[in-house]
PDB file of N, CA and C in Angstrom:
ATOM      1  N   UNK A   1     104.492  74.859  75.102  1.00  0.00           N
ATOM      2  CA  UNK A   1     105.006  74.063  74.010  1.00  0.00           C
ATOM      3  C   UNK A   1     106.521  74.116  74.028  1.00  0.00           C
ATOM      4  N   UNK A   2     107.084  73.086  73.505  1.00  0.00           N
ATOM      5  CA  UNK A   2     108.529  73.045  73.345  1.00  0.00           C
ATOM      6  C   UNK A   2     108.826  73.032  71.849  1.00  0.00           C
ATOM      7  N   UNK A   3     109.937  73.666  71.511  1.00  0.00           N
ATOM      8  CA  UNK A   3     110.315  73.774  70.114  1.00  0.00           C
ATOM      9  C   UNK A   3     111.733  73.266  69.915  1.00  0.00           C
ATOM     10  N   UNK A   4     111.994  72.825  68.688  1.00  0.00           N
ATOM     11  CA  UNK A   4     113.358  72.495  68.297  1.00  0.00           C
ATOM     12  C   UNK A   4     113.711  73.376  67.111  1.00  0.00           C
ATOM     13  N   UNK A   5     114.989  73.541  66.924  1.00  0.00           N
ATOM     14  CA  UNK A   5     115.449  74.363  65.816  1.00  0.00           C
ATOM     15  C   UNK A   5     116.665  75.157  66.237  1.00  0.00           C
ATOM     16  N   UNK A   6     117.220  75.830  65.289  1.00  0.00           N
ATOM     17  CA  UNK A   6     118.412  76.620  65.563  1.00  0.00           C
ATOM     18  C   UNK A   6     118.198  78.019  65.009  1.00  0.00           C
ATOM     19  N   UNK A   7     117.741  78.912  65.862  1.00  0.00           N
ATOM     20  CA  UNK A   7     117.526  80.295  65.453  1.00  0.00           C
ATOM     21  C   UNK A   7     118.409  81.204  66.310  1.00  0.00           C
ATOM     22  N   UNK A   8     118.823  82.303  65.745  1.00  0.00           N
ATOM     23  CA  UNK A   8     119.676  83.246  66.466  1.00  0.00           C
ATOM     24  C   UNK A   8     118.810  84.112  67.381  1.00  0.00           C
ATOM     25  N   UNK A   9     119.008  83.950  68.680  1.00  0.00           N
ATOM     26  CA  UNK A   9     118.283  84.724  69.678  1.00  0.00           C
ATOM     27  C   UNK A   9     119.308  85.530  70.469  1.00  0.00           C
ATOM     28  N   UNK A  10     119.112  86.826  70.518  1.00  0.00           N
ATOM     29  CA  UNK A  10     120.020  87.715  71.234  1.00  0.00           C
ATOM     30  C   UNK A  10     119.739  87.602  72.732  1.00  0.00           C
ATOM     31  N   UNK A  11     120.747  87.221  73.499  1.00  0.00           N
ATOM     32  CA  UNK A  11     120.614  86.962  74.929  1.00  0.00           C
ATOM     33  C   UNK A  11     120.858  88.244  75.723  1.00  0.00           C
ATOM     34  N   UNK A  12     119.780  88.857  76.186  1.00  0.00           N
ATOM     35  CA  UNK A  12     119.892  90.102  76.938  1.00  0.00           C
ATOM     36  C   UNK A  12     120.210  89.864  78.413  1.00  0.00           C
ATOM     37  N   UNK A  13     120.552  88.629  78.750  1.00  0.00           N
ATOM     38  CA  UNK A  13     121.049  88.317  80.088  1.00  0.00           C
ATOM     39  C   UNK A  13     122.578  88.308  80.087  1.00  0.00           C
ATOM     40  N   UNK A  14     123.169  88.541  78.937  1.00  0.00           N
ATOM     41  CA  UNK A  14     124.621  88.553  78.773  1.00  0.00           C
ATOM     42  C   UNK A  14     125.129  89.990  78.941  1.00  0.00           C
ATOM     43  N   UNK A  15     125.970  90.247  79.950  1.00  0.00           N
ATOM     44  CA  UNK A  15     126.454  91.615  80.180  1.00  0.00           C
ATOM     45  C   UNK A  15     127.155  92.227  78.966  1.00  0.00           C
ATOM     46  N   UNK A  16     127.851  91.417  78.189  1.00  0.00           N
ATOM     47  CA  UNK A  16     128.521  91.950  76.996  1.00  0.00           C
ATOM     48  C   UNK A  16     127.514  92.423  75.959  1.00  0.00           C
ATOM     49  N   UNK A  17     126.417  91.698  75.837  1.00  0.00           N
ATOM     50  CA  UNK A  17     125.357  92.106  74.901  1.00  0.00           C
ATOM     51  C   UNK A  17     124.729  93.414  75.368  1.00  0.00           C
ATOM     52  N   UNK A  18     124.472  93.513  76.663  1.00  0.00           N
ATOM     53  CA  UNK A  18     123.905  94.759  77.198  1.00  0.00           C
ATOM     54  C   UNK A  18     124.830  95.933  76.914  1.00  0.00           C
ATOM     55  N   UNK A  19     126.117  95.713  77.113  1.00  0.00           N
ATOM     56  CA  UNK A  19     127.082  96.780  76.860  1.00  0.00           C
ATOM     57  C   UNK A  19     127.116  97.141  75.375  1.00  0.00           C
ATOM     58  N   UNK A  20     127.122  96.121  74.525  1.00  0.00           N
ATOM     59  CA  UNK A  20     127.154  96.353  73.081  1.00  0.00           C
ATOM     60  C   UNK A  20     125.960  97.178  72.615  1.00  0.00           C
ATOM     61  N   UNK A  21     124.802  96.936  73.195  1.00  0.00           N
ATOM     62  CA  UNK A  21     123.583  97.639  72.802  1.00  0.00           C
ATOM     63  C   UNK A  21     123.298  98.859  73.675  1.00  0.00           C
ATOM     64  N   UNK A  22     124.228  99.187  74.565  1.00  0.00           N
ATOM     65  CA  UNK A  22     124.095 100.345  75.459  1.00  0.00           C
ATOM     66  C   UNK A  22     122.803 100.276  76.281  1.00  0.00           C
ATOM     67  N   UNK A  23     122.522  99.073  76.792  1.00  0.00           N
ATOM     68  CA  UNK A  23     121.333  98.862  77.623  1.00  0.00           C
ATOM     69  C   UNK A  23     121.741  98.592  79.059  1.00  0.00           C
ATOM     70  N   UNK A  24     120.925  99.032  79.958  1.00  0.00           N
ATOM     71  CA  UNK A  24     121.089  98.674  81.365  1.00  0.00           C
ATOM     72  C   UNK A  24     120.152  97.509  81.646  1.00  0.00           C
ATOM     73  N   UNK A  25     120.512  96.685  82.614  1.00  0.00           N
ATOM     74  CA  UNK A  25     119.670  95.539  82.962  1.00  0.00           C
ATOM     75  C   UNK A  25     118.258  95.990  83.314  1.00  0.00           C
ATOM     76  N   UNK A  26     118.148  97.107  84.009  1.00  0.00           N
ATOM     77  CA  UNK A  26     116.829  97.595  84.389  1.00  0.00           C
ATOM     78  C   UNK A  26     116.000  98.024  83.174  1.00  0.00           C
ATOM     79  N   UNK A  27     116.654  98.418  82.098  1.00  0.00           N
ATOM     80  CA  UNK A  27     115.932  98.798  80.875  1.00  0.00           C
ATOM     81  C   UNK A  27     115.282  97.599  80.215  1.00  0.00           C
ATOM     82  N   UNK A  28     115.923  96.446  80.358  1.00  0.00           N
ATOM     83  CA  UNK A  28     115.424  95.243  79.692  1.00  0.00           C
ATOM     84  C   UNK A  28     114.099  94.784  80.292  1.00  0.00           C
ATOM     85  N   UNK A  29     113.958  94.877  81.602  1.00  0.00           N
ATOM     86  CA  UNK A  29     112.723  94.424  82.244  1.00  0.00           C
ATOM     87  C   UNK A  29     111.732  95.560  82.486  1.00  0.00           C
ATOM     88  N   UNK A  30     112.028  96.715  81.959  1.00  0.00           N
ATOM     89  CA  UNK A  30     111.138  97.857  82.111  1.00  0.00           C
ATOM     90  C   UNK A  30     109.771  97.551  81.502  1.00  0.00           C
ATOM     91  N   UNK A  31     108.770  98.124  82.091  1.00  0.00           N
ATOM     92  CA  UNK A  31     107.419  97.984  81.542  1.00  0.00           C
ATOM     93  C   UNK A  31     107.032  99.203  80.710  1.00  0.00           C
ATOM     94  N   UNK A  32     108.035  99.973  80.315  1.00  0.00           N
ATOM     95  CA  UNK A  32     107.834 101.129  79.449  1.00  0.00           C
ATOM     96  C   UNK A  32     107.848 100.627  78.004  1.00  0.00           C
ATOM     97  N   UNK A  33     106.670 100.362  77.485  1.00  0.00           N
ATOM     98  CA  UNK A  33     106.545  99.721  76.178  1.00  0.00           C
ATOM     99  C   UNK A  33     107.217 100.511  75.055  1.00  0.00           C
ATOM    100  N   UNK A  34     107.099 101.804  75.073  1.00  0.00           N
ATOM    101  CA  UNK A  34     107.720 102.618  74.015  1.00  0.00           C
ATOM    102  C   UNK A  34     109.231 102.416  73.997  1.00  0.00           C
ATOM    103  N   UNK A  35     109.819 102.356  75.167  1.00  0.00           N
ATOM    104  CA  UNK A  35     111.271 102.173  75.275  1.00  0.00           C
ATOM    105  C   UNK A  35     111.689 100.776  74.818  1.00  0.00           C
ATOM    106  N   UNK A  36     111.000  99.755  75.310  1.00  0.00           N
ATOM    107  CA  UNK A  36     111.379  98.389  74.950  1.00  0.00           C
ATOM    108  C   UNK A  36     111.133  98.124  73.468  1.00  0.00           C
ATOM    109  N   UNK A  37     110.079  98.699  72.913  1.00  0.00           N
ATOM    110  CA  UNK A  37     109.831  98.525  71.484  1.00  0.00           C
ATOM    111  C   UNK A  37     110.915  99.190  70.656  1.00  0.00           C
ATOM    112  N   UNK A  38     111.434 100.284  71.141  1.00  0.00           N
ATOM    113  CA  UNK A  38     112.484 100.994  70.404  1.00  0.00           C
ATOM    114  C   UNK A  38     113.747 100.151  70.289  1.00  0.00           C
ATOM    115  N   UNK A  39     114.226  99.594  71.425  1.00  0.00           N
ATOM    116  CA  UNK A  39     115.448  98.799  71.303  1.00  0.00           C
ATOM    117  C   UNK A  39     115.190  97.466  70.622  1.00  0.00           C
ATOM    118  N   UNK A  40     114.006  96.889  70.811  1.00  0.00           N
ATOM    119  CA  UNK A  40     113.693  95.635  70.111  1.00  0.00           C
ATOM    120  C   UNK A  40     113.648  95.867  68.601  1.00  0.00           C
ATOM    121  N   UNK A  41     113.100  96.986  68.189  1.00  0.00           N
ATOM    122  CA  UNK A  41     113.048  97.307  66.760  1.00  0.00           C
ATOM    123  C   UNK A  41     114.453  97.456  66.187  1.00  0.00           C
ATOM    124  N   UNK A  42     115.350  98.067  66.941  1.00  0.00           N
ATOM    125  CA  UNK A  42     116.741  98.204  66.493  1.00  0.00           C
ATOM    126  C   UNK A  42     117.386  96.835  66.297  1.00  0.00           C
ATOM    127  N   UNK A  43     117.105  95.917  67.203  1.00  0.00           N
ATOM    128  CA  UNK A  43     117.657  94.563  67.093  1.00  0.00           C
ATOM    129  C   UNK A  43     117.057  93.831  65.899  1.00  0.00           C
ATOM    130  N   UNK A  44     115.758  93.983  65.726  1.00  0.00           N
ATOM    131  CA  UNK A  44     115.081  93.379  64.582  1.00  0.00           C
ATOM    132  C   UNK A  44     115.656  93.912  63.268  1.00  0.00           C
ATOM    133  N   UNK A  45     115.867  95.208  63.201  1.00  0.00           N
ATOM    134  CA  UNK A  45     116.331  95.852  61.969  1.00  0.00           C
ATOM    135  C   UNK A  45     117.709  95.382  61.517  1.00  0.00           C
ATOM    136  N   UNK A  46     118.495  94.803  62.417  1.00  0.00           N
ATOM    137  CA  UNK A  46     119.805  94.294  61.994  1.00  0.00           C
ATOM    138  C   UNK A  46     119.651  93.111  61.049  1.00  0.00           C
ATOM    139  N   UNK A  47     118.547  92.377  61.180  1.00  0.00           N
ATOM    140  CA  UNK A  47     118.342  91.180  60.381  1.00  0.00           C
ATOM    141  C   UNK A  47     119.159  89.994  60.867  1.00  0.00           C
ATOM    142  N   UNK A  48     119.846  90.154  61.995  1.00  0.00           N
ATOM    143  CA  UNK A  48     120.729  89.106  62.515  1.00  0.00           C
ATOM    144  C   UNK A  48     120.051  88.152  63.485  1.00  0.00           C
ATOM    145  N   UNK A  49     118.881  88.511  63.984  1.00  0.00           N
ATOM    146  CA  UNK A  49     118.274  87.732  65.059  1.00  0.00           C
ATOM    147  C   UNK A  49     116.832  87.374  64.747  1.00  0.00           C
ATOM    148  N   UNK A  50     116.420  86.213  65.265  1.00  0.00           N
ATOM    149  CA  UNK A  50     115.027  85.789  65.163  1.00  0.00           C
ATOM    150  C   UNK A  50     114.234  86.282  66.370  1.00  0.00           C
ATOM    151  N   UNK A  51     114.939  86.808  67.363  1.00  0.00           N
ATOM    152  CA  UNK A  51     114.279  87.314  68.554  1.00  0.00           C
ATOM    153  C   UNK A  51     115.279  87.611  69.644  1.00  0.00           C
ATOM    154  N   UNK A  52     114.746  87.883  70.827  1.00  0.00           N
ATOM    155  CA  UNK A  52     115.565  88.189  71.993  1.00  0.00           C
ATOM    156  C   UNK A  52     115.081  87.360  73.173  1.00  0.00           C
ATOM    157  N   UNK A  53     115.984  87.160  74.129  1.00  0.00           N
ATOM    158  CA  UNK A  53     115.589  86.519  75.389  1.00  0.00           C
ATOM    159  C   UNK A  53     116.094  87.372  76.536  1.00  0.00           C
ATOM    160  N   UNK A  54     115.389  87.326  77.637  1.00  0.00           N
ATOM    161  CA  UNK A  54     115.769  88.058  78.837  1.00  0.00           C
ATOM    162  C   UNK A  54     115.158  87.337  80.020  1.00  0.00           C
ATOM    163  N   UNK A  55     115.513  87.761  81.209  1.00  0.00           N
ATOM    164  CA  UNK A  55     115.007  87.115  82.412  1.00  0.00           C
ATOM    165  C   UNK A  55     113.612  87.639  82.712  1.00  0.00           C
ATOM    166  N   UNK A  56     112.841  86.791  83.344  1.00  0.00           N
ATOM    167  CA  UNK A  56     111.465  87.146  83.664  1.00  0.00           C
ATOM    168  C   UNK A  56     111.404  88.199  84.757  1.00  0.00           C
ATOM    169  N   UNK A  57     110.515  89.132  84.601  1.00  0.00           N
ATOM    170  CA  UNK A  57     110.236  90.138  85.620  1.00  0.00           C
ATOM    171  C   UNK A  57     109.845  89.457  86.931  1.00  0.00           C
ATOM    172  N   UNK A  58     109.107  88.359  86.843  1.00  0.00           N
ATOM    173  CA  UNK A  58     108.582  87.676  88.023  1.00  0.00           C
ATOM    174  C   UNK A  58     109.579  86.723  88.667  1.00  0.00           C
ATOM    175  N   UNK A  59     110.377  86.057  87.858  1.00  0.00           N
ATOM    176  CA  UNK A  59     111.307  85.046  88.364  1.00  0.00           C
ATOM    177  C   UNK A  59     112.542  85.051  87.483  1.00  0.00           C
ATOM    178  N   UNK A  60     113.652  85.619  87.960  1.00  0.00           N
ATOM    179  CA  UNK A  60     114.853  85.769  87.125  1.00  0.00           C
ATOM    180  C   UNK A  60     115.431  84.458  86.585  1.00  0.00           C
ATOM    181  N   UNK A  61     115.095  83.334  87.212  1.00  0.00           N
ATOM    182  CA  UNK A  61     115.596  82.049  86.690  1.00  0.00           C
ATOM    183  C   UNK A  61     114.854  81.611  85.433  1.00  0.00           C
ATOM    184  N   UNK A  62     113.725  82.236  85.147  1.00  0.00           N
ATOM    185  CA  UNK A  62     112.945  81.907  83.964  1.00  0.00           C
ATOM    186  C   UNK A  62     113.361  82.818  82.823  1.00  0.00           C
ATOM    187  N   UNK A  63     113.405  82.265  81.643  1.00  0.00           N
ATOM    188  CA  UNK A  63     113.710  83.072  80.459  1.00  0.00           C
ATOM    189  C   UNK A  63     112.409  83.465  79.770  1.00  0.00           C
ATOM    190  N   UNK A  64     112.372  84.699  79.331  1.00  0.00           N
ATOM    191  CA  UNK A  64     111.275  85.184  78.498  1.00  0.00           C
ATOM    192  C   UNK A  64     111.832  85.363  77.094  1.00  0.00           C
ATOM    193  N   UNK A  65     111.029  85.069  76.098  1.00  0.00           N
ATOM    194  CA  UNK A  65     111.465  85.181  74.713  1.00  0.00           C
ATOM    195  C   UNK A  65     110.500  86.048  73.936  1.00  0.00           C
ATOM    196  N   UNK A  66     111.045  86.881  73.099  1.00  0.00           N
ATOM    197  CA  UNK A  66     110.272  87.636  72.130  1.00  0.00           C
ATOM    198  C   UNK A  66     110.803  87.236  70.764  1.00  0.00           C
ATOM    199  N   UNK A  67     110.003  86.511  70.004  1.00  0.00           N
ATOM    200  CA  UNK A  67     110.446  86.010  68.702  1.00  0.00           C
ATOM    201  C   UNK A  67     109.650  86.674  67.590  1.00  0.00           C
ATOM    202  N   UNK A  68     110.344  87.158  66.589  1.00  0.00           N
ATOM    203  CA  UNK A  68     109.665  87.745  65.440  1.00  0.00           C
ATOM    204  C   UNK A  68     109.822  86.884  64.200  1.00  0.00           C
ATOM    205  N   UNK A  69     110.633  85.848  64.298  1.00  0.00           N
ATOM    206  CA  UNK A  69     110.775  84.914  63.168  1.00  0.00           C
ATOM    207  C   UNK A  69     110.833  83.501  63.724  1.00  0.00           C
ATOM    208  N   UNK A  70     109.749  82.762  63.567  1.00  0.00           N
ATOM    209  CA  UNK A  70     109.682  81.400  64.091  1.00  0.00           C
ATOM    210  C   UNK A  70     109.817  80.356  62.978  1.00  0.00           C
ATOM    211  N   UNK A  71     110.178  80.802  61.782  1.00  0.00           N
ATOM    212  CA  UNK A  71     110.245  79.880  60.648  1.00  0.00           C
ATOM    213  C   UNK A  71     111.306  78.793  60.839  1.00  0.00           C
ATOM    214  N   UNK A  72     112.293  79.004  61.678  1.00  0.00           N
ATOM    215  CA  UNK A  72     113.329  78.000  61.916  1.00  0.00           C
ATOM    216  C   UNK A  72     113.016  77.061  63.058  1.00  0.00           C
ATOM    217  N   UNK A  73     111.806  77.141  63.600  1.00  0.00           N
ATOM    218  CA  UNK A  73     111.421  76.313  64.740  1.00  0.00           C
ATOM    219  C   UNK A  73     110.305  75.357  64.360  1.00  0.00           C
ATOM    220  N   UNK A  74     110.312  74.199  64.996  1.00  0.00           N
ATOM    221  CA  UNK A  74     109.213  73.257  64.851  1.00  0.00           C
ATOM    222  C   UNK A  74     108.780  72.803  66.238  1.00  0.00           C
ATOM    223  N   UNK A  75     107.501  72.496  66.370  1.00  0.00           N
ATOM    224  CA  UNK A  75     106.972  72.026  67.652  1.00  0.00           C
ATOM    225  C   UNK A  75     107.557  70.656  67.935  1.00  0.00           C
ATOM    226  N   UNK A  76     108.072  70.489  69.152  1.00  0.00           N
ATOM    227  CA  UNK A  76     108.638  69.206  69.575  1.00  0.00           C
ATOM    228  C   UNK A  76     107.600  68.466  70.409  1.00  0.00           C
ATOM    229  N   UNK A  77     107.160  67.332  69.920  1.00  0.00           N
ATOM    230  CA  UNK A  77     106.166  66.554  70.650  1.00  0.00           C
ATOM    231  C   UNK A  77     104.776  67.115  70.488  1.00  0.00           C
ATOM    232  N   UNK A  78     103.887  66.579  71.295  1.00  0.00           N
ATOM    233  CA  UNK A  78     102.490  67.003  71.252  1.00  0.00           C
ATOM    234  C   UNK A  78     102.281  68.210  72.156  1.00  0.00           C
ATOM    235  N   UNK A  79     101.598  69.227  71.672  1.00  0.00           N
ATOM    236  CA  UNK A  79     101.274  70.355  72.552  1.00  0.00           C
ATOM    237  C   UNK A  79     100.442  69.874  73.735  1.00  0.00           C
ATOM    238  N   UNK A  80     100.670  70.460  74.876  1.00  0.00           N
ATOM    239  CA  UNK A  80      99.960  70.069  76.084  1.00  0.00           C
ATOM    240  C   UNK A  80      99.100  71.237  76.554  1.00  0.00           C
ATOM    241  N   UNK A  81      97.800  71.089  76.504  1.00  0.00           N
ATOM    242  CA  UNK A  81      96.930  72.196  76.940  1.00  0.00           C
ATOM    243  C   UNK A  81      97.155  72.514  78.419  1.00  0.00           C
ATOM    244  N   UNK A  82      97.200  73.803  78.720  1.00  0.00           N
ATOM    245  CA  UNK A  82      97.334  74.227  80.107  1.00  0.00           C
ATOM    246  C   UNK A  82      95.967  74.541  80.676  1.00  0.00           C
ATOM    247  N   UNK A  83      95.727  74.053  81.857  1.00  0.00           N
ATOM    248  CA  UNK A  83      94.504  74.351  82.591  1.00  0.00           C
ATOM    249  C   UNK A  83      94.913  74.837  83.975  1.00  0.00           C
ATOM    250  N   UNK A  84      93.961  75.343  84.731  1.00  0.00           N
ATOM    251  CA  UNK A  84      94.276  75.776  86.087  1.00  0.00           C
ATOM    252  C   UNK A  84      94.725  74.623  86.975  1.00  0.00           C
ATOM    253  N   UNK A  85      94.388  73.408  86.609  1.00  0.00           N
ATOM    254  CA  UNK A  85      94.787  72.237  87.391  1.00  0.00           C
ATOM    255  C   UNK A  85      96.150  71.680  86.970  1.00  0.00           C
ATOM    256  N   UNK A  86      96.706  72.156  85.874  1.00  0.00           N
ATOM    257  CA  UNK A  86      97.990  71.647  85.368  1.00  0.00           C
ATOM    258  C   UNK A  86      99.110  71.976  86.353  1.00  0.00           C
ATOM    259  N   UNK A  87      99.998  71.001  86.584  1.00  0.00           N
ATOM    260  CA  UNK A  87     101.102  71.199  87.533  1.00  0.00           C
ATOM    261  C   UNK A  87     101.962  72.420  87.191  1.00  0.00           C
ATOM    262  N   UNK A  88     102.223  72.658  85.911  1.00  0.00           N
ATOM    263  CA  UNK A  88     103.068  73.786  85.513  1.00  0.00           C
ATOM    264  C   UNK A  88     102.420  75.114  85.892  1.00  0.00           C
ATOM    265  N   UNK A  89     101.111  75.194  85.756  1.00  0.00           N
ATOM    266  CA  UNK A  89     100.387  76.415  86.114  1.00  0.00           C
ATOM    267  C   UNK A  89     100.429  76.608  87.624  1.00  0.00           C
ATOM    268  N   UNK A  90     100.195  75.551  88.353  1.00  0.00           N
ATOM    269  CA  UNK A  90     100.213  75.633  89.819  1.00  0.00           C
ATOM    270  C   UNK A  90     101.618  75.967  90.331  1.00  0.00           C
ATOM    271  N   UNK A  91     102.646  75.366  89.718  1.00  0.00           N
ATOM    272  CA  UNK A  91     104.031  75.632  90.130  1.00  0.00           C
ATOM    273  C   UNK A  91     104.441  77.076  89.843  1.00  0.00           C
ATOM    274  N   UNK A  92     103.917  77.649  88.769  1.00  0.00           N
ATOM    275  CA  UNK A  92     104.270  79.020  88.395  1.00  0.00           C
ATOM    276  C   UNK A  92     103.499  80.054  89.209  1.00  0.00           C
ATOM    277  N   UNK A  93     102.392  79.680  89.775  1.00  0.00           N
ATOM    278  CA  UNK A  93     101.529  80.643  90.470  1.00  0.00           C
ATOM    279  C   UNK A  93     102.209  81.294  91.668  1.00  0.00           C
ATOM    280  N   UNK A  94     102.955  80.534  92.435  1.00  0.00           N
ATOM    281  CA  UNK A  94     103.583  81.090  93.642  1.00  0.00           C
ATOM    282  C   UNK A  94     104.606  82.168  93.317  1.00  0.00           C
ATOM    283  N   UNK A  95     105.597  81.911  92.449  1.00  0.00           N
ATOM    284  CA  UNK A  95     106.583  82.961  92.174  1.00  0.00           C
ATOM    285  C   UNK A  95     105.990  84.233  91.558  1.00  0.00           C
ATOM    286  N   UNK A  96     104.904  84.099  90.820  1.00  0.00           N
ATOM    287  CA  UNK A  96     104.314  85.304  90.214  1.00  0.00           C
ATOM    288  C   UNK A  96     103.155  85.841  91.051  1.00  0.00           C
ATOM    289  N   UNK A  97     103.007  85.273  92.246  1.00  0.00           N
ATOM    290  CA  UNK A  97     102.045  85.752  93.228  1.00  0.00           C
ATOM    291  C   UNK A  97     100.618  85.790  92.707  1.00  0.00           C
ATOM    292  N   UNK A  98     100.207  84.644  92.212  1.00  0.00           N
ATOM    293  CA  UNK A  98      98.835  84.498  91.732  1.00  0.00           C
ATOM    294  C   UNK A  98      98.164  83.363  92.490  1.00  0.00           C
ATOM    295  N   UNK A  99      96.910  83.516  92.777  1.00  0.00           N
ATOM    296  CA  UNK A  99      96.137  82.476  93.433  1.00  0.00           C
ATOM    297  C   UNK A  99      95.428  81.694  92.342  1.00  0.00           C
ATOM    298  N   UNK A 100      95.632  80.383  92.344  1.00  0.00           N
ATOM    299  CA  UNK A 100      94.972  79.511  91.375  1.00  0.00           C
ATOM    300  C   UNK A 100      94.006  78.645  92.160  1.00  0.00           C
ATOM    301  N   UNK A 101      92.737  78.721  91.786  1.00  0.00           N
ATOM    302  CA  UNK A 101      91.748  77.931  92.529  1.00  0.00           C
ATOM    303  C   UNK A 101      91.015  76.985  91.622  1.00  0.00           C
TER     304      UNK A 101
END
């Protein structure tokens, strides 16, 4: 789905943001849930952000978003159901090393 709206999302791909929050790039994509929940909770507790964005573990050109407040967003257009035959699913399968049949 695509959304429109203007919400404050903290960009964890920005080196200045990483420095401000005393995070290393490797910490952001860590799969250590306790650690990532700890810094995400700190960001949430500021009340300044609706969520965070960072680069995908699988493909750095893709952005991943964690949103805890979606009240400022609205769905843009009609939602498009994803199936295994959908071009977006097939296009994403190679970089994340998944076989789609």
